[in-house]
Amino acid sequence: MLETFDLSIKIPKDEYASIADPLSIGTGELQREVRKRGKSVIIVFEGWRGSGISQVINKLLHAFDPRGVRVYAIDEPDDIERDHSLMWRFWTKVPPYGQIAIFDRSWYTSMLVERVERLHEDEIPSHWISDIIGFEEQITGDGNLIIKFFLHISKQEQKKRLSDLEDDPFTYQARYLRRKEGIYQYNQFLPAIEKMLMKTDLPASPWIIVEAEQLKYAHVKILRTINSMIEGWLANFDEDSSDNSQFFAVQGVMKNIGETSILDTVDLSKSYTKDEYKPLLEQYQEDLKRIQFITYRQGIPVVIVFEGWDAAGKGGCIIRLTNPLNPRGYVVEPIGPPNDYEKLHHYLWRFYPKFPRKGHITIFDRSWYGRVLVERVEKFCREDEWQRAYHEINAMEEQLARNGVVIVKFWLHIDQDEQLKRFTERENSEYKKYKITDEDWRNRKRWDEYELAVNAMIRRTSTPEAPWTIIPANNKYYARIMTIKTVMEAIEKKIGENGLL
């Protein structure tokens, strides 16, 4: 594949400025259009070591307004990043809408370093490829643009450039890396790189191979490509409408089929008396304390999601769940509407920084499922956006599970009569009044719409890696015991799978 590129291409020195300068001006103008359209652009630079990535990025930056662009130089992951999945640290760097991010190396380097340098393999695991494809599809599916460059030089040119770098007193890192046995073995990397390029050459984020033996030519090709791709993207960009006729036709057929209600099958009569509840709670909390210690010692991350009807008792369950836990090892994340800055990103972006490190527990009081619940029902997003979210959420949770995360998801279910009773009690209680709002009463009027959304959510996002547990919650004692029991069983199952019991 790479051998087919003509690396002898050059631009005459006396013609370079007359070609590059107008292109740079055009790039700056397009940056301003990107800001107006309110979507982001990610520019990825990969390539052989010594191919000139830092030089071409430096030249490219001269074309941009620095207030709207940020460069991320990707190095070895730190301790926190190692405690998460491959893509976690890149999700946290996704630019806000209207901004441009340039990656000096990226998720591709992370993958190659792990497989080729450390394990001396040229085969990249399919699940890593799937994670990368899923990440890029979610970014581009949200209307953003990804431009990927691979800077290509010959083996002889690489050897010459790295030799020159060793004589430069400011490139101590290159001298250090040079000493690592086999790190610059061109032939060792070639098969893995070619497989990577072929498997991740996506319609919405294709690879652009840049002949980089002459950096002037490389700079011009990069400018031309960026300008052309942004112009094409902007020409097809219309935030108010899209051709989803086929999509909506399919959805119309699905709606007409009709589905049985999962929630209707839940037995809400299940209960514990107070006398039954107290000894069970004490025993389960004591067991949970022990399990948290094992979880921490074995480095098992845990994500617990609480969703449910208003007044279903999420807060009470979370309190009983956390009472026995060491506060150094868990955090509760209450999730409300996204703030203005969070709205400038993909809707999943704000959750990645909240995912736990190894051995830690994160409890979400509401979650990313707001996309297919509140945002769907209240029309805070388009139908094609919340329909796409089912797949995006499943892909994210699959990635978390593959990284060893235990995922427990609860829907706390009560009936309308029980909800009315609890709403009324809150209104009549001095110390519970703060729990009831006008919005709660308004949401109650749309019970049927929310029930339809909940049924679809459970049906389409209950997976082997992250199943939903519907908790009958008309009886608070029963709901609290069942949530603790379910969490313990999920963690114990993981401990058993790891051979730690």
Protein backbone atom coordinates (compact mmCIF):
# COMPACT_ATOMS: atom_id res chain seq x y z
CA MET A 1 0.00 0.00 0.00
CA LEU A 2 2.51 2.64 1.16
CA GLU A 3 5.07 1.47 -1.40
CA THR A 4 2.86 2.77 -4.21
CA PHE A 5 3.36 6.42 -3.23
CA ASP A 6 5.92 8.51 -5.10
CA LEU A 7 8.13 10.03 -2.39
CA SER A 8 10.22 12.03 -4.87
CA ILE A 9 7.52 14.70 -5.33
CA LYS A 10 8.80 18.19 -4.56
CA ILE A 11 7.80 21.83 -4.88
CA PRO A 12 10.46 24.21 -6.22
CA LYS A 13 11.67 26.53 -3.46
CA ASP A 14 10.96 29.65 -5.52
CA GLU A 15 7.32 28.59 -6.02
CA TYR A 16 6.56 27.46 -2.47
CA ALA A 17 5.53 30.81 -0.94
CA SER A 18 3.25 31.75 -3.84
CA ILE A 19 1.39 28.46 -3.41
CA ALA A 20 1.38 28.12 0.38
CA ASP A 21 0.50 31.70 1.38
CA PRO A 22 -2.93 31.87 -0.37
CA LEU A 23 -3.77 28.42 0.97
CA SER A 24 -2.94 29.56 4.51
CA ILE A 25 -5.20 32.59 4.14
CA GLY A 26 -8.00 30.31 2.95
CA THR A 27 -7.48 28.02 5.93
CA GLY A 28 -7.91 30.96 8.31
CA GLU A 29 -11.12 32.00 6.58
CA LEU A 30 -12.49 28.47 6.82
CA GLN A 31 -11.69 28.38 10.54
CA ARG A 32 -14.02 31.34 11.01
CA GLU A 33 -16.74 29.48 9.09
CA VAL A 34 -16.27 26.45 11.34
CA ARG A 35 -16.88 28.68 14.37
CA LYS A 36 -20.05 30.09 12.80
CA ARG A 37 -21.47 26.66 12.02
CA GLY A 38 -21.02 25.47 15.60
CA LYS A 39 -19.43 22.09 14.94
CA SER A 40 -15.87 20.96 15.60
CA VAL A 41 -12.96 19.77 13.48
CA ILE A 42 -10.36 17.22 14.61
CA ILE A 43 -7.10 16.98 12.64
CA VAL A 44 -5.02 13.87 13.32
CA PHE A 45 -1.34 13.59 12.44
CA GLU A 46 0.28 10.18 12.37
CA GLY A 47 3.37 9.02 10.53
CA TRP A 48 6.79 7.47 10.77
CA ARG A 49 9.09 8.72 13.49
CA GLY A 50 11.15 11.47 11.98
CA SER A 51 8.54 12.20 9.30
CA GLY A 52 8.20 15.84 10.36
CA ILE A 53 4.90 15.90 12.23
CA SER A 54 5.93 18.66 14.64
CA GLN A 55 7.28 20.81 11.78
CA VAL A 56 4.13 20.62 9.66
CA ILE A 57 1.91 21.28 12.70
CA ASN A 58 3.99 24.35 13.53
CA LYS A 59 3.56 25.67 9.97
CA LEU A 60 -0.14 24.85 10.01
CA LEU A 61 -0.71 26.78 13.24
CA HIS A 62 0.40 29.99 11.51
CA ALA A 63 -2.77 29.80 9.42
CA PHE A 64 -5.11 29.59 12.42
CA ASP A 65 -6.42 32.03 14.98
CA PRO A 66 -4.86 30.56 18.17
CA ARG A 67 -8.03 31.34 20.14
CA GLY A 68 -9.90 28.66 18.22
CA VAL A 69 -7.39 25.83 18.01
CA ARG A 70 -5.58 23.57 20.45
CA VAL A 71 -2.77 21.07 19.91
CA TYR A 72 -2.57 17.83 21.89
CA ALA A 73 0.84 16.16 21.89
CA ILE A 74 0.09 12.54 22.77
CA ASP A 75 2.72 10.77 24.84
CA GLU A 76 2.68 7.77 27.14
CA PRO A 77 -0.54 7.60 29.21
CA ASP A 78 -0.24 8.65 32.84
CA ASP A 79 -1.40 6.54 35.78
CA ILE A 80 -4.97 7.86 35.65
CA GLU A 81 -5.22 7.28 31.89
CA ARG A 82 -3.94 3.72 32.26
CA ASP A 83 -6.84 3.05 34.62
CA HIS A 84 -9.31 3.61 31.77
CA SER A 85 -10.01 2.28 28.31
CA LEU A 86 -7.88 3.08 25.26
CA MET A 87 -10.22 5.83 24.03
CA TRP A 88 -11.01 7.45 27.40
CA ARG A 89 -8.24 10.03 27.33
CA PHE A 90 -9.15 11.05 23.79
CA TRP A 91 -12.83 11.51 24.58
CA THR A 92 -11.78 13.99 27.27
CA LYS A 93 -9.91 15.99 24.59
CA VAL A 94 -12.73 16.25 22.05
CA PRO A 95 -12.99 19.97 21.22
CA PRO A 96 -16.09 22.05 21.93
CA TYR A 97 -18.28 22.99 18.99
CA GLY A 98 -16.78 25.75 16.87
CA GLN A 99 -13.21 24.80 17.81
CA ILE A 100 -10.41 22.85 16.10
CA ALA A 101 -8.22 20.24 17.82
CA ILE A 102 -4.94 19.04 16.32
CA PHE A 103 -3.54 15.74 17.56
CA ASP A 104 0.22 15.33 17.34
CA ARG A 105 -0.07 11.53 17.42
CA SER A 106 -3.34 10.05 18.57
CA TRP A 107 -5.26 6.90 19.45
CA TYR A 108 -3.48 5.22 16.56
CA THR A 109 -0.04 5.68 18.06
CA SER A 110 -1.33 4.36 21.39
CA MET A 111 -2.49 1.23 19.60
CA LEU A 112 0.71 0.72 17.62
CA VAL A 113 3.03 1.30 20.57
CA GLU A 114 1.18 -1.30 22.61
CA ARG A 115 1.13 -4.01 19.94
CA VAL A 116 4.34 -3.46 17.99
CA GLU A 117 6.84 -1.99 20.44
CA ARG A 118 5.76 -3.77 23.59
CA LEU A 119 4.36 -7.06 22.35
CA HIS A 120 6.26 -7.25 19.02
CA GLU A 121 3.10 -8.17 17.14
CA ASP A 122 1.84 -6.90 13.81
CA GLU A 123 -1.78 -7.97 14.37
CA ILE A 124 -4.01 -5.39 16.02
CA PRO A 125 -6.89 -6.82 18.10
CA SER A 126 -10.27 -6.46 16.41
CA HIS A 127 -11.86 -4.96 19.52
CA TRP A 128 -9.34 -2.10 19.47
CA ILE A 129 -10.19 -1.43 15.85
CA SER A 130 -13.89 -1.54 16.79
CA ASP A 131 -13.34 0.96 19.61
CA ILE A 132 -11.57 3.38 17.28
CA ILE A 133 -14.17 3.03 14.54
CA GLY A 134 -16.94 3.51 17.09
CA PHE A 135 -15.27 6.64 18.46
CA GLU A 136 -14.81 8.22 15.03
CA GLU A 137 -18.33 7.29 13.92
CA GLN A 138 -19.80 8.92 17.02
CA ILE A 139 -17.82 12.11 16.44
CA THR A 140 -18.68 12.35 12.74
CA GLY A 141 -22.24 11.14 13.34
CA ASP A 142 -22.68 14.18 15.58
CA GLY A 143 -21.93 16.39 12.56
CA ASN A 144 -18.23 17.02 13.24
CA LEU A 145 -15.30 16.54 10.88
CA ILE A 146 -12.23 14.31 11.32
CA ILE A 147 -9.23 14.74 8.99
CA LYS A 148 -6.52 12.08 9.31
CA PHE A 149 -3.00 12.45 7.87
CA PHE A 150 -0.25 9.85 7.72
CA LEU A 151 3.16 11.34 6.91
CA HIS A 152 5.10 8.84 4.80
CA ILE A 153 8.86 8.72 4.27
CA SER A 154 11.21 5.98 3.13
CA LYS A 155 13.31 3.81 5.38
CA GLN A 156 16.48 5.52 4.16
CA GLU A 157 15.07 9.00 4.80
CA GLN A 158 13.98 8.01 8.30
CA LYS A 159 17.44 6.70 9.12
CA LYS A 160 19.03 9.94 7.91
CA ARG A 161 16.64 12.20 9.84
CA LEU A 162 16.98 10.28 13.09
CA SER A 163 20.74 10.38 12.76
CA ASP A 164 20.56 14.17 12.32
CA LEU A 165 18.34 14.45 15.40
CA GLU A 166 20.93 12.69 17.53
CA ASP A 167 23.34 15.53 16.86
CA ASP A 168 20.80 18.14 17.98
CA PRO A 169 21.27 19.05 21.68
CA PHE A 170 17.59 19.90 21.98
CA THR A 171 16.32 16.49 20.85
CA TYR A 172 17.34 14.48 23.89
CA GLN A 173 14.15 12.45 23.58
CA ALA A 174 15.13 11.23 20.14
CA ARG A 175 18.53 10.11 21.45
CA TYR A 176 16.82 8.27 24.30
CA LEU A 177 14.35 6.56 22.03
CA ARG A 178 17.12 5.63 19.61
CA ARG A 179 18.77 3.55 22.30
CA LYS A 180 15.68 1.39 22.72
CA GLU A 181 16.40 -1.79 20.82
CA GLY A 182 14.41 -2.15 17.63
CA ILE A 183 12.25 0.92 18.16
CA TYR A 184 12.99 2.31 14.72
CA GLN A 185 12.81 -0.95 12.82
CA TYR A 186 10.94 0.30 9.80
CA ASN A 187 10.10 -3.18 8.54
CA GLN A 188 8.79 -4.20 11.95
CA PHE A 189 6.19 -1.42 11.94
CA LEU A 190 5.25 -1.53 8.27
CA PRO A 191 2.81 -4.51 8.35
CA ALA A 192 0.95 -3.18 11.41
CA ILE A 193 0.73 0.35 10.00
CA GLU A 194 -0.62 -0.83 6.66
CA LYS A 195 -3.24 -3.00 8.38
CA MET A 196 -4.20 -0.09 10.62
CA LEU A 197 -4.59 2.26 7.66
CA MET A 198 -6.73 -0.19 5.70
CA LYS A 199 -9.00 -1.20 8.57
CA THR A 200 -9.68 2.37 9.73
CA ASP A 201 -10.04 4.09 6.35
CA LEU A 202 -13.64 5.09 6.93
CA PRO A 203 -16.02 6.90 4.55
CA ALA A 204 -16.52 9.78 6.99
CA SER A 205 -12.89 9.85 8.20
CA PRO A 206 -10.57 8.57 5.46
CA TRP A 207 -6.78 8.48 5.66
CA ILE A 208 -4.78 10.99 3.63
CA ILE A 209 -1.24 9.76 2.92
CA VAL A 210 1.19 12.69 2.73
CA GLU A 211 4.48 12.25 0.89
CA ALA A 212 6.74 13.96 3.43
CA GLU A 213 10.32 13.63 2.19
CA GLN A 214 10.10 17.31 1.26
CA LEU A 215 8.32 19.19 4.05
CA LYS A 216 7.38 22.07 1.76
CA TYR A 217 5.37 19.70 -0.41
CA ALA A 218 3.89 18.06 2.68
CA HIS A 219 2.77 21.43 4.04
CA VAL A 220 1.09 22.39 0.78
CA LYS A 221 -0.70 19.03 0.46
CA ILE A 222 -1.93 19.29 4.04
CA LEU A 223 -3.28 22.81 3.50
CA ARG A 224 -4.98 21.82 0.26
CA THR A 225 -6.54 18.78 1.88
CA ILE A 226 -7.78 20.66 4.95
CA ASN A 227 -9.27 23.42 2.82
CA SER A 228 -10.92 20.99 0.43
CA MET A 229 -12.37 18.76 3.14
CA ILE A 230 -13.68 21.63 5.26
CA GLU A 231 -15.21 23.31 2.20
CA GLY A 232 -16.97 20.08 1.22
CA TRP A 233 -18.11 19.48 4.78
CA LEU A 234 -19.51 23.01 5.11
CA ALA A 235 -21.25 22.76 1.74
CA ASN A 236 -23.13 19.66 2.90
CA PHE A 237 -23.67 20.93 6.40
CA ASP A 238 -27.18 21.98 7.37
CA GLU A 239 -27.91 21.90 11.07
CA ASP A 240 -31.63 22.46 10.55
CA SER A 241 -32.41 19.59 8.24
CA SER A 242 -31.00 16.37 6.86
CA ASP A 243 -32.11 13.71 4.45
CA ASN A 244 -33.45 11.19 6.91
CA SER A 245 -36.45 10.13 4.82
CA GLN A 246 -35.38 6.49 4.66
CA PHE A 247 -34.55 6.47 8.37
CA PHE A 248 -37.91 7.89 9.39
CA ALA A 249 -39.73 5.52 7.05
CA VAL A 250 -38.12 2.58 8.84
CA GLN A 251 -39.01 4.05 12.21
CA GLY A 252 -42.61 4.50 11.10
CA VAL A 253 -42.85 0.81 10.27
CA MET A 254 -41.37 -0.09 13.66
CA LYS A 255 -43.87 2.13 15.48
CA ASN A 256 -46.79 0.47 13.71
CA ILE A 257 -45.69 -3.00 14.76
CA GLY A 258 -46.31 -2.28 18.44
CA GLU A 259 -44.35 -3.73 21.35
CA THR A 260 -45.39 -5.29 24.63
CA SER A 261 -44.55 -3.17 27.64
CA ILE A 262 -41.65 -4.49 29.72
CA LEU A 263 -42.73 -2.34 32.67
CA ASP A 264 -46.21 -3.90 32.68
CA THR A 265 -44.68 -7.26 33.58
CA VAL A 266 -43.07 -5.98 36.80
CA ASP A 267 -44.62 -7.24 40.05
CA LEU A 268 -44.94 -4.10 42.16
CA SER A 269 -46.45 -5.95 45.11
CA LYS A 270 -43.08 -7.26 46.25
CA SER A 271 -42.20 -5.89 49.67
CA TYR A 272 -40.44 -6.26 53.00
CA THR A 273 -41.79 -5.28 56.37
CA LYS A 274 -39.69 -3.04 58.57
CA ASP A 275 -38.83 -5.98 60.80
CA GLU A 276 -37.66 -8.02 57.80
CA TYR A 277 -35.80 -5.07 56.30
CA LYS A 278 -33.52 -4.04 59.17
CA PRO A 279 -31.56 -7.30 59.68
CA LEU A 280 -31.26 -7.79 55.90
CA LEU A 281 -29.92 -4.28 55.47
CA GLU A 282 -27.32 -4.73 58.21
CA GLN A 283 -26.12 -8.03 56.74
CA TYR A 284 -25.95 -6.80 53.15
CA GLN A 285 -24.17 -3.60 54.13
CA GLU A 286 -21.58 -5.59 56.07
CA ASP A 287 -21.04 -7.84 53.05
CA LEU A 288 -20.81 -4.82 50.74
CA LYS A 289 -18.08 -3.31 52.89
CA ARG A 290 -16.03 -6.49 52.46
CA ILE A 291 -16.66 -6.58 48.72
CA GLN A 292 -15.55 -2.97 48.29
CA PHE A 293 -12.22 -3.87 49.87
CA ILE A 294 -11.73 -6.76 47.43
CA THR A 295 -12.78 -4.52 44.54
CA TYR A 296 -10.19 -1.92 45.49
CA ARG A 297 -7.44 -4.44 46.11
CA GLN A 298 -8.05 -6.19 42.79
CA GLY A 299 -8.40 -2.97 40.79
CA ILE A 300 -11.95 -3.57 39.56
CA PRO A 301 -13.76 -0.37 38.46
CA VAL A 302 -17.52 -0.25 39.04
CA VAL A 303 -20.18 1.94 37.41
CA ILE A 304 -23.67 1.98 38.97
CA VAL A 305 -26.47 3.81 37.14
CA PHE A 306 -29.73 4.84 38.82
CA GLU A 307 -32.64 5.80 36.62
CA GLY A 308 -36.32 5.73 37.52
CA TRP A 309 -39.55 7.63 37.87
CA ASP A 310 -39.61 10.86 39.86
CA ALA A 311 -40.03 9.97 43.57
CA ALA A 312 -39.14 6.33 42.90
CA GLY A 313 -36.60 6.37 45.73
CA LYS A 314 -33.27 6.68 43.95
CA GLY A 315 -31.83 8.91 46.64
CA GLY A 316 -32.81 6.54 49.45
CA CYS A 317 -31.28 3.56 47.63
CA ILE A 318 -28.04 5.44 47.01
CA ILE A 319 -27.80 6.45 50.67
CA ARG A 320 -28.18 2.85 51.87
CA LEU A 321 -25.79 1.63 49.21
CA THR A 322 -23.04 4.09 50.16
CA ASN A 323 -23.43 4.07 53.94
CA PRO A 324 -21.05 1.13 54.45
CA LEU A 325 -18.54 2.19 51.78
CA ASN A 326 -15.17 3.83 52.38
CA PRO A 327 -15.58 7.35 50.97
CA ARG A 328 -12.08 7.26 49.50
CA GLY A 329 -13.19 4.61 47.05
CA TYR A 330 -16.48 5.90 45.65
CA VAL A 331 -18.17 9.01 44.36
CA VAL A 332 -21.81 9.86 43.61
CA GLU A 333 -22.31 11.90 40.44
CA PRO A 334 -25.69 13.69 40.32
CA ILE A 335 -26.49 14.34 36.67
CA GLY A 336 -28.63 17.28 35.68
CA PRO A 337 -29.13 19.12 32.40
CA PRO A 338 -25.87 19.85 30.56
CA ASN A 339 -24.41 23.30 31.15
CA ASP A 340 -23.53 25.69 28.35
CA TYR A 341 -19.99 24.35 27.95
CA GLU A 342 -21.14 20.72 27.99
CA LYS A 343 -23.65 21.53 25.26
CA LEU A 344 -20.69 22.43 23.05
CA HIS A 345 -19.71 18.75 22.90
CA HIS A 346 -21.10 15.36 21.96
CA TYR A 347 -23.64 14.44 24.63
CA LEU A 348 -21.48 11.55 25.93
CA TRP A 349 -18.40 13.75 26.36
CA ARG A 350 -19.29 15.03 29.81
CA PHE A 351 -19.48 11.52 31.28
CA TYR A 352 -16.02 10.25 30.34
CA PRO A 353 -14.14 12.30 32.97
CA LYS A 354 -16.50 10.86 35.60
CA PHE A 355 -15.79 7.19 34.88
CA PRO A 356 -13.92 5.46 37.73
CA ARG A 357 -10.30 4.47 37.98
CA LYS A 358 -9.39 0.87 38.72
CA GLY A 359 -10.66 -0.18 42.12
CA HIS A 360 -13.08 2.75 42.44
CA ILE A 361 -16.86 2.99 42.29
CA THR A 362 -18.86 5.72 40.55
CA ILE A 363 -22.60 5.97 41.19
CA PHE A 364 -24.60 7.98 38.67
CA ASP A 365 -27.82 9.54 39.91
CA ARG A 366 -29.31 9.89 36.42
CA SER A 367 -26.98 9.38 33.50
CA TRP A 368 -26.34 9.40 29.74
CA TYR A 369 -29.75 7.78 29.35
CA GLY A 370 -31.23 11.24 29.55
CA ARG A 371 -30.61 11.32 25.80
CA VAL A 372 -33.27 8.66 25.17
CA LEU A 373 -35.59 9.75 28.00
CA VAL A 374 -35.90 13.46 28.84
CA GLU A 375 -34.25 14.72 25.66
CA ARG A 376 -36.40 12.41 23.55
CA VAL A 377 -39.73 13.17 25.24
CA GLU A 378 -39.13 16.91 25.65
CA LYS A 379 -37.73 17.18 22.11
CA PHE A 380 -34.40 18.62 23.25
CA CYS A 381 -32.81 16.67 20.39
CA ARG A 382 -33.91 15.46 16.98
CA GLU A 383 -35.39 12.01 16.48
CA ASP A 384 -32.43 10.80 14.42
CA GLU A 385 -30.14 11.89 17.29
CA TRP A 386 -31.88 9.94 20.05
CA GLN A 387 -32.40 6.95 17.76
CA ARG A 388 -28.67 6.92 17.04
CA ALA A 389 -27.96 7.14 20.77
CA TYR A 390 -28.99 3.54 21.47
CA HIS A 391 -26.10 2.23 19.39
CA GLU A 392 -23.69 4.85 20.71
CA ILE A 393 -24.51 4.03 24.34
CA ASN A 394 -24.20 0.29 23.75
CA ALA A 395 -20.82 0.82 22.10
CA MET A 396 -19.59 2.98 24.99
CA GLU A 397 -20.73 0.48 27.62
CA GLU A 398 -19.23 -2.42 25.68
CA GLN A 399 -15.93 -0.58 25.65
CA LEU A 400 -16.12 0.02 29.40
CA ALA A 401 -16.92 -3.64 30.06
CA ARG A 402 -14.07 -4.77 27.85
CA ASN A 403 -11.78 -2.66 30.00
CA GLY A 404 -12.91 -4.59 33.07
CA VAL A 405 -15.61 -2.21 34.33
CA VAL A 406 -18.55 -3.75 36.17
CA ILE A 407 -21.72 -1.99 34.97
CA VAL A 408 -24.93 -2.16 37.01
CA LYS A 409 -27.99 -0.31 35.72
CA PHE A 410 -31.20 0.16 37.69
CA TRP A 411 -34.62 1.35 36.63
CA LEU A 412 -36.66 2.00 39.81
CA HIS A 413 -40.28 1.34 38.87
CA ILE A 414 -43.38 2.58 40.69
CA ASP A 415 -46.96 3.00 39.52
CA GLN A 416 -48.79 6.29 39.06
CA ASP A 417 -50.79 5.93 42.28
CA GLU A 418 -47.65 5.46 44.35
CA GLN A 419 -46.01 8.43 42.67
CA LEU A 420 -49.03 10.66 43.42
CA LYS A 421 -48.95 9.54 47.05
CA ARG A 422 -45.25 10.42 47.37
CA PHE A 423 -45.65 13.75 45.60
CA THR A 424 -48.42 14.70 48.00
CA GLU A 425 -46.38 13.63 51.03
CA ARG A 426 -43.49 15.77 49.86
CA GLU A 427 -45.65 18.82 49.40
CA ASN A 428 -47.06 18.43 52.91
CA SER A 429 -43.70 17.85 54.62
CA GLU A 430 -41.55 20.78 55.70
CA TYR A 431 -38.29 18.89 55.29
CA LYS A 432 -39.25 17.19 52.00
CA LYS A 433 -40.76 20.14 50.14
CA TYR A 434 -37.47 20.81 48.37
CA LYS A 435 -37.79 17.44 46.61
CA ILE A 436 -40.95 18.38 44.69
CA THR A 437 -40.97 20.91 41.84
CA ASP A 438 -43.38 22.16 39.21
CA GLU A 439 -41.35 20.17 36.68
CA ASP A 440 -42.15 16.94 38.54
CA TRP A 441 -45.87 17.62 38.19
CA ARG A 442 -45.45 18.54 34.54
CA ASN A 443 -43.50 15.33 33.81
CA ARG A 444 -46.20 13.30 35.52
CA LYS A 445 -48.71 14.51 32.92
CA ARG A 446 -46.53 12.92 30.24
CA TRP A 447 -46.32 9.54 31.96
CA ASP A 448 -47.41 7.59 28.86
CA GLU A 449 -44.76 9.23 26.68
CA TYR A 450 -42.05 8.53 29.24
CA GLU A 451 -43.23 4.95 29.67
CA LEU A 452 -42.87 4.40 25.93
CA ALA A 453 -39.35 5.82 26.06
CA VAL A 454 -38.38 3.70 29.09
CA ASN A 455 -39.60 0.49 27.46
CA ALA A 456 -37.59 1.27 24.30
CA MET A 457 -34.52 2.16 26.37
CA ILE A 458 -34.57 -1.08 28.34
CA ARG A 459 -35.27 -3.19 25.28
CA ARG A 460 -32.53 -1.64 23.15
CA THR A 461 -29.76 -1.09 25.71
CA SER A 462 -29.96 -4.15 27.95
CA THR A 463 -26.89 -6.10 26.83
CA PRO A 464 -24.94 -9.03 28.28
CA GLU A 465 -22.19 -6.61 29.32
CA ALA A 466 -24.57 -4.05 30.82
CA PRO A 467 -28.03 -5.46 31.56
CA TRP A 468 -30.85 -3.45 33.07
CA THR A 469 -32.29 -4.51 36.41
CA ILE A 470 -35.86 -3.30 36.94
CA ILE A 471 -36.47 -2.82 40.65
CA PRO A 472 -40.08 -2.94 41.93
CA ALA A 473 -39.99 0.18 44.10
CA ASN A 474 -43.51 0.70 45.43
CA ASN A 475 -42.06 -0.66 48.66
CA LYS A 476 -38.93 1.32 49.52
CA TYR A 477 -37.53 -1.37 51.81
CA TYR A 478 -37.65 -3.93 49.04
CA ALA A 479 -36.05 -1.55 46.52
CA ARG A 480 -33.13 -0.74 48.85
CA ILE A 481 -32.37 -4.38 49.62
CA MET A 482 -32.58 -5.42 45.97
CA THR A 483 -30.24 -2.68 44.74
CA ILE A 484 -27.54 -3.60 47.27
CA LYS A 485 -27.98 -7.31 46.56
CA THR A 486 -27.75 -6.77 42.78
CA VAL A 487 -24.59 -4.67 43.07
CA MET A 488 -22.91 -7.30 45.25
CA GLU A 489 -23.86 -10.13 42.89
CA ALA A 490 -22.50 -8.25 39.86
CA ILE A 491 -19.18 -7.52 41.57
CA GLU A 492 -18.86 -11.05 42.94
CA LYS A 493 -19.48 -12.42 39.44
CA LYS A 494 -16.61 -10.30 38.11
CA ILE A 495 -14.33 -11.36 40.94
CA GLY A 496 -15.18 -14.97 40.11
CA GLU A 497 -14.47 -14.45 36.42
CA ASN A 498 -11.08 -13.05 37.33
CA GLY A 499 -10.39 -16.16 39.40
CA LEU A 500 -10.11 -14.15 42.57
CA LEU A 501 -12.60 -16.07 44.71
